[in-house]
């Protein structure tokens, strides 16, 4: 997503929790359902505008998980444990 490319994948627990309630959720296929996965990939292949929109969205969404943000959260947690 940080590369401004749309993401398609299986809806395993990690991906689902990350994308639940976002536009990216509609590009998750049921685990092991290769037919559904291929449909989602084909949808993006055939629709350039959708690819671009999902790429833009993904780039913005990925900023929520930048190393600076995650590192700050971790440091806050460690500091709270010292008290």
PDB file of N, CA and C in Angstrom:
ATOM      1  N   UNK A   1       0.820  -1.183   0.000  1.00  0.00           N
ATOM      2  CA  UNK A   1       0.000   0.000   0.000  1.00  0.00           C
ATOM      3  C   UNK A   1       0.870   1.257   0.000  1.00  0.00           C
ATOM      4  N   UNK A   2       1.980   1.202   0.724  1.00  0.00           N
ATOM      5  CA  UNK A   2       2.874   2.350   0.777  1.00  0.00           C
ATOM      6  C   UNK A   2       3.510   2.627  -0.584  1.00  0.00           C
ATOM      7  N   UNK A   3       3.444   1.657  -1.492  1.00  0.00           N
ATOM      8  CA  UNK A   3       3.967   1.835  -2.846  1.00  0.00           C
ATOM      9  C   UNK A   3       2.898   2.360  -3.804  1.00  0.00           C
ATOM     10  N   UNK A   4       1.748   2.731  -3.232  1.00  0.00           N
ATOM     11  CA  UNK A   4       0.648   3.300  -4.020  1.00  0.00           C
ATOM     12  C   UNK A   4       0.075   2.286  -5.012  1.00  0.00           C
ATOM     13  N   UNK A   5       0.088   1.027  -4.598  1.00  0.00           N
ATOM     14  CA  UNK A   5      -0.478  -0.054  -5.412  1.00  0.00           C
ATOM     15  C   UNK A   5      -1.641  -0.682  -4.648  1.00  0.00           C
ATOM     16  N   UNK A   6      -2.713  -1.047  -5.351  1.00  0.00           N
ATOM     17  CA  UNK A   6      -3.831  -1.700  -4.664  1.00  0.00           C
ATOM     18  C   UNK A   6      -3.406  -3.066  -4.142  1.00  0.00           C
ATOM     19  N   UNK A   7      -4.032  -3.472  -3.060  1.00  0.00           N
ATOM     20  CA  UNK A   7      -3.695  -4.735  -2.416  1.00  0.00           C
ATOM     21  C   UNK A   7      -4.883  -5.684  -2.515  1.00  0.00           C
ATOM     22  N   UNK A   8      -4.601  -6.918  -2.909  1.00  0.00           N
ATOM     23  CA  UNK A   8      -5.601  -7.982  -2.973  1.00  0.00           C
ATOM     24  C   UNK A   8      -5.005  -9.156  -2.210  1.00  0.00           C
ATOM     25  N   UNK A   9      -5.834  -9.813  -1.417  1.00  0.00           N
ATOM     26  CA  UNK A   9      -5.310 -10.949  -0.677  1.00  0.00           C
ATOM     27  C   UNK A   9      -6.425 -11.768  -0.060  1.00  0.00           C
ATOM     28  N   UNK A  10      -6.031 -12.795   0.668  1.00  0.00           N
ATOM     29  CA  UNK A  10      -6.996 -13.609   1.385  1.00  0.00           C
ATOM     30  C   UNK A  10      -7.316 -12.948   2.720  1.00  0.00           C
ATOM     31  N   UNK A  11      -8.519 -13.132   3.175  1.00  0.00           N
ATOM     32  CA  UNK A  11      -8.992 -12.504   4.403  1.00  0.00           C
ATOM     33  C   UNK A  11      -8.571 -13.310   5.626  1.00  0.00           C
ATOM     34  N   UNK A  12      -7.259 -13.447   5.815  1.00  0.00           N
ATOM     35  CA  UNK A  12      -6.801 -14.093   7.039  1.00  0.00           C
ATOM     36  C   UNK A  12      -6.959 -13.094   8.183  1.00  0.00           C
ATOM     37  N   UNK A  13      -6.748 -13.523   9.389  1.00  0.00           N
ATOM     38  CA  UNK A  13      -7.017 -12.684  10.549  1.00  0.00           C
ATOM     39  C   UNK A  13      -6.250 -11.361  10.504  1.00  0.00           C
ATOM     40  N   UNK A  14      -4.968 -11.416  10.169  1.00  0.00           N
ATOM     41  CA  UNK A  14      -4.152 -10.202  10.151  1.00  0.00           C
ATOM     42  C   UNK A  14      -4.622  -9.188   9.126  1.00  0.00           C
ATOM     43  N   UNK A  15      -4.814  -9.628   7.892  1.00  0.00           N
ATOM     44  CA  UNK A  15      -5.265  -8.717   6.846  1.00  0.00           C
ATOM     45  C   UNK A  15      -6.661  -8.192   7.137  1.00  0.00           C
ATOM     46  N   UNK A  16      -7.531  -9.070   7.638  1.00  0.00           N
ATOM     47  CA  UNK A  16      -8.897  -8.644   7.919  1.00  0.00           C
ATOM     48  C   UNK A  16      -8.922  -7.579   9.015  1.00  0.00           C
ATOM     49  N   UNK A  17      -8.164  -7.792  10.086  1.00  0.00           N
ATOM     50  CA  UNK A  17      -8.138  -6.803  11.158  1.00  0.00           C
ATOM     51  C   UNK A  17      -7.561  -5.477  10.691  1.00  0.00           C
ATOM     52  N   UNK A  18      -6.607  -5.518   9.810  1.00  0.00           N
ATOM     53  CA  UNK A  18      -6.003  -4.293   9.289  1.00  0.00           C
ATOM     54  C   UNK A  18      -6.962  -3.522   8.390  1.00  0.00           C
ATOM     55  N   UNK A  19      -7.733  -4.233   7.579  1.00  0.00           N
ATOM     56  CA  UNK A  19      -8.553  -3.578   6.557  1.00  0.00           C
ATOM     57  C   UNK A  19     -10.046  -3.523   6.877  1.00  0.00           C
ATOM     58  N   UNK A  20     -10.468  -4.111   7.986  1.00  0.00           N
ATOM     59  CA  UNK A  20     -11.889  -4.139   8.350  1.00  0.00           C
ATOM     60  C   UNK A  20     -12.457  -2.721   8.393  1.00  0.00           C
ATOM     61  N   UNK A  21     -13.583  -2.525   7.713  1.00  0.00           N
ATOM     62  CA  UNK A  21     -14.248  -1.233   7.722  1.00  0.00           C
ATOM     63  C   UNK A  21     -13.632  -0.187   6.820  1.00  0.00           C
ATOM     64  N   UNK A  22     -12.711  -0.592   5.964  1.00  0.00           N
ATOM     65  CA  UNK A  22     -12.059   0.337   5.036  1.00  0.00           C
ATOM     66  C   UNK A  22     -12.396  -0.077   3.609  1.00  0.00           C
ATOM     67  N   UNK A  23     -12.126   0.791   2.627  1.00  0.00           N
ATOM     68  CA  UNK A  23     -12.336   0.392   1.222  1.00  0.00           C
ATOM     69  C   UNK A  23     -11.519  -0.838   0.827  1.00  0.00           C
ATOM     70  N   UNK A  24     -10.407  -1.065   1.484  1.00  0.00           N
ATOM     71  CA  UNK A  24      -9.561  -2.212   1.165  1.00  0.00           C
ATOM     72  C   UNK A  24     -10.194  -3.548   1.512  1.00  0.00           C
ATOM     73  N   UNK A  25     -11.176  -3.538   2.395  1.00  0.00           N
ATOM     74  CA  UNK A  25     -11.812  -4.788   2.822  1.00  0.00           C
ATOM     75  C   UNK A  25     -12.474  -5.514   1.656  1.00  0.00           C
ATOM     76  N   UNK A  26     -12.979  -4.762   0.676  1.00  0.00           N
ATOM     77  CA  UNK A  26     -13.671  -5.426  -0.437  1.00  0.00           C
ATOM     78  C   UNK A  26     -12.716  -6.169  -1.365  1.00  0.00           C
ATOM     79  N   UNK A  27     -11.422  -6.038  -1.140  1.00  0.00           N
ATOM     80  CA  UNK A  27     -10.443  -6.748  -1.958  1.00  0.00           C
ATOM     81  C   UNK A  27      -9.815  -7.923  -1.220  1.00  0.00           C
ATOM     82  N   UNK A  28     -10.482  -8.369  -0.177  1.00  0.00           N
ATOM     83  CA  UNK A  28     -10.059  -9.566   0.548  1.00  0.00           C
ATOM     84  C   UNK A  28     -10.990 -10.715   0.187  1.00  0.00           C
ATOM     85  N   UNK A  29     -10.415 -11.814  -0.219  1.00  0.00           N
ATOM     86  CA  UNK A  29     -11.179 -13.012  -0.574  1.00  0.00           C
ATOM     87  C   UNK A  29     -11.183 -13.981   0.604  1.00  0.00           C
ATOM     88  N   UNK A  30     -12.211 -14.814   0.647  1.00  0.00           N
ATOM     89  CA  UNK A  30     -12.264 -15.845   1.693  1.00  0.00           C
ATOM     90  C   UNK A  30     -10.995 -16.703   1.591  1.00  0.00           C
ATOM     91  N   UNK A  31     -10.432 -17.078   2.741  1.00  0.00           N
ATOM     92  CA  UNK A  31      -9.214 -17.907   2.705  1.00  0.00           C
ATOM     93  C   UNK A  31      -9.387 -19.141   1.822  1.00  0.00           C
ATOM     94  N   UNK A  32      -8.395 -19.391   1.011  1.00  0.00           N
ATOM     95  CA  UNK A  32      -8.302 -20.535   0.102  1.00  0.00           C
ATOM     96  C   UNK A  32      -9.286 -20.491  -1.066  1.00  0.00           C
ATOM     97  N   UNK A  33     -10.056 -19.414  -1.212  1.00  0.00           N
ATOM     98  CA  UNK A  33     -11.019 -19.304  -2.312  1.00  0.00           C
ATOM     99  C   UNK A  33     -10.330 -18.616  -3.502  1.00  0.00           C
ATOM    100  N   UNK A  34      -9.628 -19.414  -4.294  1.00  0.00           N
ATOM    101  CA  UNK A  34      -8.854 -18.840  -5.400  1.00  0.00           C
ATOM    102  C   UNK A  34      -9.747 -18.244  -6.481  1.00  0.00           C
ATOM    103  N   UNK A  35     -10.957 -18.744  -6.610  1.00  0.00           N
ATOM    104  CA  UNK A  35     -11.901 -18.166  -7.586  1.00  0.00           C
ATOM    105  C   UNK A  35     -12.219 -16.725  -7.198  1.00  0.00           C
ATOM    106  N   UNK A  36     -12.560 -16.511  -5.936  1.00  0.00           N
ATOM    107  CA  UNK A  36     -12.891 -15.160  -5.469  1.00  0.00           C
ATOM    108  C   UNK A  36     -11.674 -14.241  -5.564  1.00  0.00           C
ATOM    109  N   UNK A  37     -10.513 -14.754  -5.205  1.00  0.00           N
ATOM    110  CA  UNK A  37      -9.291 -13.957  -5.295  1.00  0.00           C
ATOM    111  C   UNK A  37      -9.043 -13.532  -6.733  1.00  0.00           C
ATOM    112  N   UNK A  38      -9.202 -14.460  -7.680  1.00  0.00           N
ATOM    113  CA  UNK A  38      -8.962 -14.123  -9.086  1.00  0.00           C
ATOM    114  C   UNK A  38      -9.980 -13.088  -9.592  1.00  0.00           C
ATOM    115  N   UNK A  39     -11.217 -13.142  -9.103  1.00  0.00           N
ATOM    116  CA  UNK A  39     -12.222 -12.148  -9.497  1.00  0.00           C
ATOM    117  C   UNK A  39     -11.815 -10.752  -9.032  1.00  0.00           C
ATOM    118  N   UNK A  40     -11.294 -10.657  -7.829  1.00  0.00           N
ATOM    119  CA  UNK A  40     -10.883  -9.367  -7.284  1.00  0.00           C
ATOM    120  C   UNK A  40      -9.666  -8.820  -8.038  1.00  0.00           C
ATOM    121  N   UNK A  41      -8.765  -9.706  -8.402  1.00  0.00           N
ATOM    122  CA  UNK A  41      -7.600  -9.286  -9.188  1.00  0.00           C
ATOM    123  C   UNK A  41      -8.046  -8.809 -10.568  1.00  0.00           C
ATOM    124  N   UNK A  42      -8.933  -9.562 -11.210  1.00  0.00           N
ATOM    125  CA  UNK A  42      -9.428  -9.173 -12.530  1.00  0.00           C
ATOM    126  C   UNK A  42     -10.170  -7.846 -12.496  1.00  0.00           C
ATOM    127  N   UNK A  43     -10.912  -7.598 -11.439  1.00  0.00           N
ATOM    128  CA  UNK A  43     -11.624  -6.331 -11.304  1.00  0.00           C
ATOM    129  C   UNK A  43     -10.638  -5.170 -11.363  1.00  0.00           C
ATOM    130  N   UNK A  44      -9.530  -5.304 -10.670  1.00  0.00           N
ATOM    131  CA  UNK A  44      -8.522  -4.240 -10.687  1.00  0.00           C
ATOM    132  C   UNK A  44      -7.782  -4.173 -12.018  1.00  0.00           C
ATOM    133  N   UNK A  45      -7.529  -5.314 -12.624  1.00  0.00           N
ATOM    134  CA  UNK A  45      -6.845  -5.316 -13.924  1.00  0.00           C
ATOM    135  C   UNK A  45      -7.675  -4.572 -14.964  1.00  0.00           C
ATOM    136  N   UNK A  46      -8.981  -4.785 -14.930  1.00  0.00           N
ATOM    137  CA  UNK A  46      -9.875  -4.204 -15.937  1.00  0.00           C
ATOM    138  C   UNK A  46     -10.254  -2.751 -15.672  1.00  0.00           C
ATOM    139  N   UNK A  47     -10.008  -2.251 -14.463  1.00  0.00           N
ATOM    140  CA  UNK A  47     -10.484  -0.918 -14.108  1.00  0.00           C
ATOM    141  C   UNK A  47      -9.322  -0.042 -13.618  1.00  0.00           C
ATOM    142  N   UNK A  48      -8.754   0.701 -14.544  1.00  0.00           N
ATOM    143  CA  UNK A  48      -7.596   1.533 -14.213  1.00  0.00           C
ATOM    144  C   UNK A  48      -7.935   2.593 -13.171  1.00  0.00           C
ATOM    145  N   UNK A  49      -9.105   3.195 -13.294  1.00  0.00           N
ATOM    146  CA  UNK A  49      -9.506   4.231 -12.332  1.00  0.00           C
ATOM    147  C   UNK A  49      -9.589   3.653 -10.921  1.00  0.00           C
ATOM    148  N   UNK A  50     -10.163   2.476 -10.786  1.00  0.00           N
ATOM    149  CA  UNK A  50     -10.257   1.825  -9.477  1.00  0.00           C
ATOM    150  C   UNK A  50      -8.866   1.500  -8.932  1.00  0.00           C
ATOM    151  N   UNK A  51      -7.967   1.038  -9.812  1.00  0.00           N
ATOM    152  CA  UNK A  51      -6.583   0.768  -9.380  1.00  0.00           C
ATOM    153  C   UNK A  51      -5.947   2.027  -8.817  1.00  0.00           C
ATOM    154  N   UNK A  52      -6.124   3.136  -9.512  1.00  0.00           N
ATOM    155  CA  UNK A  52      -5.533   4.398  -9.063  1.00  0.00           C
ATOM    156  C   UNK A  52      -6.141   4.861  -7.741  1.00  0.00           C
ATOM    157  N   UNK A  53      -7.474   4.765  -7.646  1.00  0.00           N
ATOM    158  CA  UNK A  53      -8.141   5.174  -6.409  1.00  0.00           C
ATOM    159  C   UNK A  53      -7.680   4.336  -5.225  1.00  0.00           C
ATOM    160  N   UNK A  54      -7.605   3.027  -5.427  1.00  0.00           N
ATOM    161  CA  UNK A  54      -7.172   2.148  -4.340  1.00  0.00           C
ATOM    162  C   UNK A  54      -5.698   2.371  -4.007  1.00  0.00           C
ATOM    163  N   UNK A  55      -4.897   2.682  -5.014  1.00  0.00           N
ATOM    164  CA  UNK A  55      -3.492   3.000  -4.770  1.00  0.00           C
ATOM    165  C   UNK A  55      -3.348   4.258  -3.927  1.00  0.00           C
ATOM    166  N   UNK A  56      -4.109   5.300  -4.267  1.00  0.00           N
ATOM    167  CA  UNK A  56      -4.076   6.554  -3.498  1.00  0.00           C
ATOM    168  C   UNK A  56      -4.551   6.307  -2.068  1.00  0.00           C
ATOM    169  N   UNK A  57      -5.672   5.583  -1.940  1.00  0.00           N
ATOM    170  CA  UNK A  57      -6.197   5.291  -0.610  1.00  0.00           C
ATOM    171  C   UNK A  57      -5.166   4.512   0.212  1.00  0.00           C
ATOM    172  N   UNK A  58      -4.566   3.498  -0.391  1.00  0.00           N
ATOM    173  CA  UNK A  58      -3.597   2.663   0.310  1.00  0.00           C
ATOM    174  C   UNK A  58      -2.399   3.452   0.804  1.00  0.00           C
ATOM    175  N   UNK A  59      -1.925   4.366  -0.015  1.00  0.00           N
ATOM    176  CA  UNK A  59      -0.789   5.195   0.382  1.00  0.00           C
ATOM    177  C   UNK A  59      -1.144   6.006   1.621  1.00  0.00           C
ATOM    178  N   UNK A  60      -2.300   6.645   1.602  1.00  0.00           N
ATOM    179  CA  UNK A  60      -2.717   7.452   2.750  1.00  0.00           C
ATOM    180  C   UNK A  60      -2.931   6.576   3.985  1.00  0.00           C
ATOM    181  N   UNK A  61      -3.569   5.434   3.811  1.00  0.00           N
ATOM    182  CA  UNK A  61      -3.852   4.540   4.937  1.00  0.00           C
ATOM    183  C   UNK A  61      -2.563   3.979   5.540  1.00  0.00           C
ATOM    184  N   UNK A  62      -1.597   3.692   4.699  1.00  0.00           N
ATOM    185  CA  UNK A  62      -0.344   3.116   5.194  1.00  0.00           C
ATOM    186  C   UNK A  62       0.428   4.085   6.078  1.00  0.00           C
ATOM    187  N   UNK A  63       0.161   5.364   5.946  1.00  0.00           N
ATOM    188  CA  UNK A  63       0.850   6.356   6.784  1.00  0.00           C
ATOM    189  C   UNK A  63       0.487   6.194   8.257  1.00  0.00           C
ATOM    190  N   UNK A  64      -0.659   5.555   8.529  1.00  0.00           N
ATOM    191  CA  UNK A  64      -1.029   5.277   9.916  1.00  0.00           C
ATOM    192  C   UNK A  64      -0.081   4.280  10.566  1.00  0.00           C
ATOM    193  N   UNK A  65       0.699   3.581   9.758  1.00  0.00           N
ATOM    194  CA  UNK A  65       1.582   2.527  10.254  1.00  0.00           C
ATOM    195  C   UNK A  65       3.050   2.829   9.961  1.00  0.00           C
ATOM    196  N   UNK A  66       3.364   4.111   9.813  1.00  0.00           N
ATOM    197  CA  UNK A  66       4.761   4.478   9.569  1.00  0.00           C
ATOM    198  C   UNK A  66       5.605   4.119  10.789  1.00  0.00           C
ATOM    199  N   UNK A  67       6.881   3.907  10.575  1.00  0.00           N
ATOM    200  CA  UNK A  67       7.752   3.509  11.673  1.00  0.00           C
ATOM    201  C   UNK A  67       7.746   4.573  12.777  1.00  0.00           C
ATOM    202  N   UNK A  68       7.718   5.856  12.413  1.00  0.00           N
ATOM    203  CA  UNK A  68       7.712   6.905  13.439  1.00  0.00           C
ATOM    204  C   UNK A  68       6.495   6.788  14.346  1.00  0.00           C
ATOM    205  N   UNK A  69       5.319   6.543  13.767  1.00  0.00           N
ATOM    206  CA  UNK A  69       4.109   6.414  14.582  1.00  0.00           C
ATOM    207  C   UNK A  69       4.155   5.169  15.450  1.00  0.00           C
ATOM    208  N   UNK A  70       4.545   4.049  14.857  1.00  0.00           N
ATOM    209  CA  UNK A  70       4.592   2.794  15.612  1.00  0.00           C
ATOM    210  C   UNK A  70       5.653   2.871  16.706  1.00  0.00           C
ATOM    211  N   UNK A  71       6.810   3.439  16.395  1.00  0.00           N
ATOM    212  CA  UNK A  71       7.874   3.559  17.396  1.00  0.00           C
ATOM    213  C   UNK A  71       7.422   4.424  18.565  1.00  0.00           C
ATOM    214  N   UNK A  72       6.696   5.494  18.301  1.00  0.00           N
ATOM    215  CA  UNK A  72       6.196   6.351  19.379  1.00  0.00           C
ATOM    216  C   UNK A  72       5.245   5.593  20.292  1.00  0.00           C
ATOM    217  N   UNK A  73       4.379   4.785  19.709  1.00  0.00           N
ATOM    218  CA  UNK A  73       3.442   3.985  20.507  1.00  0.00           C
ATOM    219  C   UNK A  73       4.194   2.989  21.387  1.00  0.00           C
ATOM    220  N   UNK A  74       5.198   2.354  20.816  1.00  0.00           N
ATOM    221  CA  UNK A  74       5.997   1.382  21.574  1.00  0.00           C
ATOM    222  C   UNK A  74       6.743   2.070  22.718  1.00  0.00           C
ATOM    223  N   UNK A  75       7.345   3.219  22.428  1.00  0.00           N
ATOM    224  CA  UNK A  75       8.075   3.943  23.474  1.00  0.00           C
ATOM    225  C   UNK A  75       7.133   4.390  24.594  1.00  0.00           C
ATOM    226  N   UNK A  76       5.944   4.863  24.233  1.00  0.00           N
ATOM    227  CA  UNK A  76       4.969   5.242  25.252  1.00  0.00           C
ATOM    228  C   UNK A  76       4.617   4.053  26.138  1.00  0.00           C
ATOM    229  N   UNK A  77       4.450   2.903  25.530  1.00  0.00           N
ATOM    230  CA  UNK A  77       4.127   1.703  26.298  1.00  0.00           C
ATOM    231  C   UNK A  77       5.277   1.348  27.239  1.00  0.00           C
ATOM    232  N   UNK A  78       6.491   1.320  26.716  1.00  0.00           N
ATOM    233  CA  UNK A  78       7.644   0.995  27.560  1.00  0.00           C
ATOM    234  C   UNK A  78       7.765   1.988  28.720  1.00  0.00           C
ATOM    235  N   UNK A  79       7.592   3.261  28.424  1.00  0.00           N
ATOM    236  CA  UNK A  79       7.691   4.265  29.483  1.00  0.00           C
ATOM    237  C   UNK A  79       6.593   4.100  30.525  1.00  0.00           C
ATOM    238  N   UNK A  80       5.414   3.696  30.106  1.00  0.00           N
ATOM    239  CA  UNK A  80       4.333   3.493  31.081  1.00  0.00           C
ATOM    240  C   UNK A  80       4.609   2.276  31.976  1.00  0.00           C
ATOM    241  N   UNK A  81       5.392   1.340  31.490  1.00  0.00           N
ATOM    242  CA  UNK A  81       5.725   0.151  32.288  1.00  0.00           C
ATOM    243  C   UNK A  81       6.735   0.478  33.380  1.00  0.00           C
ATOM    244  N   UNK A  82       7.518   1.535  33.207  1.00  0.00           N
ATOM    245  CA  UNK A  82       8.531   1.915  34.183  1.00  0.00           C
ATOM    246  C   UNK A  82       7.910   2.506  35.443  1.00  0.00           C
ATOM    247  N   UNK A  83       6.698   2.997  35.337  1.00  0.00           N
ATOM    248  CA  UNK A  83       6.074   3.708  36.468  1.00  0.00           C
ATOM    249  C   UNK A  83       5.538   2.794  37.497  1.00  0.00           C
TER     250      UNK A  83
END
